[in-house]
Amino acid sequence: AVAGAARTTAVAADPNSQAVSSPMLGTFYRSPKPGAPPFVALGSAVEEDTIVGFIQVMKLMNTVRAQVRGTVAEFLVADGALVEYGEILLRVSKAL
């Protein structure tokens, strides 16, 4: 938990990046189905409404959107990982 808190602080401290957090507890997936290409990759340009993944909760798929315009800089959780509410999924470098 301490390592996660330290990482959250580091992401928040960078004024040119924004964290994309999990809106709920569930399993995070980067692609729409197994074997399909991911919604976004490192270096992908994103807009506020770009889908960056989804979280599966009780067999329901809930989309996660970038909520910021920029470039995907880092993924902080693995594809298929269980995530908690508020956990940072990825970081986006804001467009200047």
N, C-alpha and C. Protein backbone atom coordinates (compact mmCIF):
# COMPACT_ATOMS: atom_id res chain seq x y z
N ALA A 1 0.82 -1.20 0.00
CA ALA A 1 0.00 0.00 0.00
C ALA A 1 0.86 1.25 0.00
N VAL A 2 2.00 1.19 0.69
CA VAL A 2 2.88 2.35 0.75
C VAL A 2 3.48 2.64 -0.62
N ALA A 3 3.90 1.60 -1.34
CA ALA A 3 4.46 1.80 -2.67
C ALA A 3 3.43 2.43 -3.60
N GLY A 4 2.18 1.98 -3.51
CA GLY A 4 1.11 2.55 -4.33
C GLY A 4 0.89 4.01 -4.00
N ALA A 5 0.95 4.36 -2.74
CA ALA A 5 0.77 5.76 -2.33
C ALA A 5 1.91 6.62 -2.84
N ALA A 6 3.13 6.10 -2.81
CA ALA A 6 4.28 6.86 -3.30
C ALA A 6 4.16 7.10 -4.80
N ARG A 7 3.71 6.11 -5.52
CA ARG A 7 3.56 6.25 -6.97
C ARG A 7 2.46 7.26 -7.28
N THR A 8 1.36 7.22 -6.55
CA THR A 8 0.27 8.16 -6.74
C THR A 8 0.76 9.59 -6.54
N THR A 9 1.54 9.82 -5.52
CA THR A 9 2.08 11.15 -5.23
C THR A 9 3.00 11.61 -6.35
N ALA A 10 3.85 10.71 -6.85
CA ALA A 10 4.78 11.08 -7.91
C ALA A 10 4.04 11.48 -9.18
N VAL A 11 2.98 10.75 -9.52
CA VAL A 11 2.20 11.07 -10.72
C VAL A 11 1.52 12.42 -10.54
N ALA A 12 0.94 12.64 -9.38
CA ALA A 12 0.23 13.89 -9.14
C ALA A 12 1.17 15.09 -9.13
N ALA A 13 2.44 14.86 -8.78
CA ALA A 13 3.41 15.96 -8.69
C ALA A 13 3.86 16.46 -10.06
N ASP A 14 3.74 15.66 -11.10
CA ASP A 14 4.16 16.06 -12.44
C ASP A 14 3.07 16.93 -13.06
N PRO A 15 3.33 18.23 -13.24
CA PRO A 15 2.28 19.12 -13.74
C PRO A 15 1.90 18.87 -15.21
N ASN A 16 2.73 18.12 -15.95
CA ASN A 16 2.45 17.87 -17.36
C ASN A 16 1.80 16.51 -17.58
N SER A 17 1.39 15.82 -16.53
CA SER A 17 0.74 14.54 -16.72
C SER A 17 -0.51 14.45 -15.86
N GLN A 18 -1.38 13.56 -16.26
CA GLN A 18 -2.60 13.33 -15.49
C GLN A 18 -2.80 11.83 -15.36
N ALA A 19 -3.16 11.41 -14.17
CA ALA A 19 -3.43 10.01 -13.92
C ALA A 19 -4.86 9.68 -14.34
N VAL A 20 -5.04 8.50 -14.91
CA VAL A 20 -6.36 7.99 -15.22
C VAL A 20 -6.62 6.89 -14.19
N SER A 21 -7.59 7.12 -13.32
CA SER A 21 -7.86 6.21 -12.21
C SER A 21 -9.05 5.31 -12.48
N SER A 22 -9.08 4.20 -11.77
CA SER A 22 -10.17 3.26 -11.87
C SER A 22 -11.43 3.83 -11.21
N PRO A 23 -12.56 3.84 -11.91
CA PRO A 23 -13.79 4.35 -11.31
C PRO A 23 -14.50 3.33 -10.42
N MET A 24 -13.96 2.09 -10.36
CA MET A 24 -14.61 1.03 -9.58
C MET A 24 -13.66 -0.14 -9.37
N LEU A 25 -14.07 -1.06 -8.53
CA LEU A 25 -13.35 -2.30 -8.29
C LEU A 25 -13.69 -3.28 -9.39
N GLY A 26 -12.70 -3.97 -9.93
CA GLY A 26 -12.96 -4.97 -10.96
C GLY A 26 -11.68 -5.39 -11.64
N THR A 27 -11.81 -6.02 -12.79
CA THR A 27 -10.66 -6.48 -13.57
C THR A 27 -10.46 -5.55 -14.76
N PHE A 28 -9.25 -5.00 -14.88
CA PHE A 28 -8.93 -4.04 -15.95
C PHE A 28 -8.43 -4.78 -17.18
N TYR A 29 -8.99 -4.44 -18.32
CA TYR A 29 -8.56 -5.01 -19.60
C TYR A 29 -8.21 -3.89 -20.55
N ARG A 30 -7.11 -4.06 -21.28
CA ARG A 30 -6.66 -3.05 -22.24
C ARG A 30 -7.21 -3.26 -23.64
N SER A 31 -7.80 -4.44 -23.92
CA SER A 31 -8.34 -4.70 -25.26
C SER A 31 -9.78 -5.18 -25.14
N PRO A 32 -10.54 -5.06 -26.23
CA PRO A 32 -11.96 -5.41 -26.18
C PRO A 32 -12.24 -6.91 -26.02
N LYS A 33 -11.29 -7.76 -26.44
CA LYS A 33 -11.45 -9.21 -26.28
C LYS A 33 -10.07 -9.85 -26.35
N PRO A 34 -9.92 -11.06 -25.86
CA PRO A 34 -8.61 -11.73 -25.90
C PRO A 34 -8.07 -11.82 -27.33
N GLY A 35 -6.82 -11.49 -27.51
CA GLY A 35 -6.18 -11.56 -28.82
C GLY A 35 -6.36 -10.32 -29.68
N ALA A 36 -7.24 -9.43 -29.30
CA ALA A 36 -7.47 -8.20 -30.05
C ALA A 36 -6.41 -7.16 -29.66
N PRO A 37 -6.11 -6.23 -30.57
CA PRO A 37 -5.17 -5.18 -30.20
C PRO A 37 -5.74 -4.30 -29.09
N PRO A 38 -4.87 -3.73 -28.25
CA PRO A 38 -5.36 -2.88 -27.16
C PRO A 38 -6.02 -1.61 -27.69
N PHE A 39 -6.89 -1.03 -26.86
CA PHE A 39 -7.54 0.23 -27.23
C PHE A 39 -6.49 1.31 -27.50
N VAL A 40 -5.48 1.41 -26.62
CA VAL A 40 -4.38 2.36 -26.78
C VAL A 40 -3.08 1.69 -26.36
N ALA A 41 -1.96 2.21 -26.87
CA ALA A 41 -0.64 1.70 -26.53
C ALA A 41 0.22 2.86 -26.03
N LEU A 42 1.39 2.56 -25.53
CA LEU A 42 2.30 3.63 -25.13
C LEU A 42 2.55 4.54 -26.33
N GLY A 43 2.47 5.82 -26.12
CA GLY A 43 2.68 6.78 -27.19
C GLY A 43 1.45 7.12 -28.00
N SER A 44 0.34 6.44 -27.74
CA SER A 44 -0.90 6.73 -28.46
C SER A 44 -1.44 8.10 -28.07
N ALA A 45 -1.91 8.84 -29.07
CA ALA A 45 -2.58 10.12 -28.80
C ALA A 45 -4.00 9.82 -28.35
N VAL A 46 -4.45 10.51 -27.30
CA VAL A 46 -5.80 10.32 -26.79
C VAL A 46 -6.51 11.66 -26.63
N GLU A 47 -7.82 11.61 -26.71
CA GLU A 47 -8.68 12.76 -26.44
C GLU A 47 -9.44 12.44 -25.16
N GLU A 48 -10.21 13.39 -24.67
CA GLU A 48 -10.96 13.21 -23.42
C GLU A 48 -11.88 11.99 -23.46
N ASP A 49 -12.49 11.72 -24.62
CA ASP A 49 -13.46 10.63 -24.72
C ASP A 49 -12.88 9.33 -25.28
N THR A 50 -11.55 9.25 -25.45
CA THR A 50 -10.93 8.04 -25.97
C THR A 50 -11.02 6.92 -24.93
N ILE A 51 -11.47 5.75 -25.37
CA ILE A 51 -11.53 4.58 -24.49
C ILE A 51 -10.11 4.03 -24.35
N VAL A 52 -9.66 3.88 -23.10
CA VAL A 52 -8.32 3.37 -22.84
C VAL A 52 -8.36 1.94 -22.30
N GLY A 53 -9.54 1.47 -21.97
CA GLY A 53 -9.69 0.12 -21.46
C GLY A 53 -11.09 -0.05 -20.89
N PHE A 54 -11.30 -1.18 -20.25
CA PHE A 54 -12.57 -1.35 -19.54
C PHE A 54 -12.35 -2.17 -18.29
N ILE A 55 -13.28 -2.04 -17.39
CA ILE A 55 -13.24 -2.78 -16.14
C ILE A 55 -14.45 -3.70 -16.10
N GLN A 56 -14.17 -4.97 -15.89
CA GLN A 56 -15.23 -5.97 -15.82
C GLN A 56 -15.63 -6.15 -14.36
N VAL A 57 -16.93 -5.99 -14.12
CA VAL A 57 -17.49 -6.19 -12.79
C VAL A 57 -18.73 -7.06 -12.95
N MET A 58 -18.73 -8.22 -12.36
CA MET A 58 -19.88 -9.13 -12.43
C MET A 58 -20.38 -9.32 -13.87
N LYS A 59 -19.46 -9.56 -14.77
CA LYS A 59 -19.72 -9.82 -16.19
C LYS A 59 -20.23 -8.60 -16.96
N LEU A 60 -20.18 -7.42 -16.35
CA LEU A 60 -20.52 -6.18 -17.06
C LEU A 60 -19.23 -5.45 -17.41
N MET A 61 -19.15 -4.94 -18.64
CA MET A 61 -17.97 -4.22 -19.09
C MET A 61 -18.22 -2.72 -18.98
N ASN A 62 -17.40 -2.04 -18.20
CA ASN A 62 -17.52 -0.60 -17.97
C ASN A 62 -16.33 0.10 -18.59
N THR A 63 -16.58 0.98 -19.55
CA THR A 63 -15.48 1.64 -20.25
C THR A 63 -14.77 2.64 -19.35
N VAL A 64 -13.47 2.78 -19.61
CA VAL A 64 -12.64 3.78 -18.94
C VAL A 64 -12.14 4.71 -20.03
N ARG A 65 -12.39 6.00 -19.85
CA ARG A 65 -11.98 7.00 -20.84
C ARG A 65 -10.80 7.81 -20.32
N ALA A 66 -10.02 8.37 -21.25
CA ALA A 66 -8.81 9.09 -20.89
C ALA A 66 -9.09 10.33 -20.04
N GLN A 67 -10.14 11.06 -20.32
CA GLN A 67 -10.54 12.27 -19.61
C GLN A 67 -9.55 13.42 -19.74
N VAL A 68 -8.58 13.29 -20.62
CA VAL A 68 -7.59 14.34 -20.85
C VAL A 68 -7.04 14.17 -22.26
N ARG A 69 -6.64 15.25 -22.87
CA ARG A 69 -6.05 15.22 -24.20
C ARG A 69 -4.54 15.14 -24.04
N GLY A 70 -3.90 14.17 -24.72
CA GLY A 70 -2.45 14.04 -24.62
C GLY A 70 -1.96 12.73 -25.21
N THR A 71 -0.88 12.20 -24.62
CA THR A 71 -0.23 11.00 -25.10
C THR A 71 -0.07 10.01 -23.94
N VAL A 72 -0.38 8.75 -24.19
CA VAL A 72 -0.22 7.73 -23.15
C VAL A 72 1.27 7.60 -22.83
N ALA A 73 1.62 7.85 -21.56
CA ALA A 73 3.02 7.84 -21.14
C ALA A 73 3.41 6.58 -20.40
N GLU A 74 2.47 5.98 -19.67
CA GLU A 74 2.83 4.83 -18.84
C GLU A 74 1.58 4.07 -18.41
N PHE A 75 1.67 2.75 -18.44
CA PHE A 75 0.62 1.90 -17.86
C PHE A 75 1.12 1.46 -16.50
N LEU A 76 0.29 1.59 -15.49
CA LEU A 76 0.69 1.25 -14.14
C LEU A 76 0.11 -0.07 -13.64
N VAL A 77 -0.81 -0.65 -14.38
CA VAL A 77 -1.35 -1.97 -14.04
C VAL A 77 -1.31 -2.85 -15.28
N ALA A 78 -1.20 -4.14 -15.06
CA ALA A 78 -1.14 -5.10 -16.15
C ALA A 78 -2.53 -5.41 -16.69
N ASP A 79 -2.58 -5.84 -17.92
CA ASP A 79 -3.83 -6.28 -18.53
C ASP A 79 -4.34 -7.49 -17.75
N GLY A 80 -5.61 -7.46 -17.37
CA GLY A 80 -6.20 -8.56 -16.63
C GLY A 80 -6.00 -8.47 -15.12
N ALA A 81 -5.45 -7.34 -14.64
CA ALA A 81 -5.20 -7.18 -13.21
C ALA A 81 -6.45 -6.74 -12.47
N LEU A 82 -6.60 -7.20 -11.23
CA LEU A 82 -7.66 -6.74 -10.37
C LEU A 82 -7.28 -5.35 -9.88
N VAL A 83 -8.19 -4.39 -10.03
CA VAL A 83 -7.91 -3.02 -9.60
C VAL A 83 -8.96 -2.57 -8.59
N GLU A 84 -8.57 -1.60 -7.78
CA GLU A 84 -9.46 -1.05 -6.77
C GLU A 84 -9.95 0.32 -7.21
N TYR A 85 -11.02 0.77 -6.57
CA TYR A 85 -11.54 2.11 -6.83
C TYR A 85 -10.44 3.14 -6.56
N GLY A 86 -10.21 4.04 -7.52
CA GLY A 86 -9.24 5.10 -7.36
C GLY A 86 -7.81 4.72 -7.69
N GLU A 87 -7.55 3.45 -7.96
CA GLU A 87 -6.19 3.03 -8.32
C GLU A 87 -5.81 3.61 -9.68
N ILE A 88 -4.59 4.09 -9.81
CA ILE A 88 -4.15 4.69 -11.06
C ILE A 88 -3.86 3.58 -12.08
N LEU A 89 -4.51 3.67 -13.23
CA LEU A 89 -4.37 2.68 -14.29
C LEU A 89 -3.26 3.04 -15.26
N LEU A 90 -3.22 4.30 -15.64
CA LEU A 90 -2.22 4.77 -16.59
C LEU A 90 -2.01 6.27 -16.40
N ARG A 91 -0.97 6.76 -17.04
CA ARG A 91 -0.64 8.17 -16.95
C ARG A 91 -0.60 8.74 -18.37
N VAL A 92 -1.18 9.91 -18.54
CA VAL A 92 -1.23 10.59 -19.84
C VAL A 92 -0.47 11.90 -19.73
N SER A 93 0.50 12.10 -20.64
CA SER A 93 1.17 13.40 -20.72
C SER A 93 0.24 14.35 -21.44
N LYS A 94 -0.10 15.43 -20.79
CA LYS A 94 -1.06 16.40 -21.37
C LYS A 94 -0.48 17.07 -22.60
N ALA A 95 -1.35 17.33 -23.57
CA ALA A 95 -0.97 18.07 -24.76
C ALA A 95 -0.77 19.53 -24.37
N LEU A 96 0.28 20.12 -24.87
CA LEU A 96 0.57 21.52 -24.53
C LEU A 96 0.00 22.47 -25.55
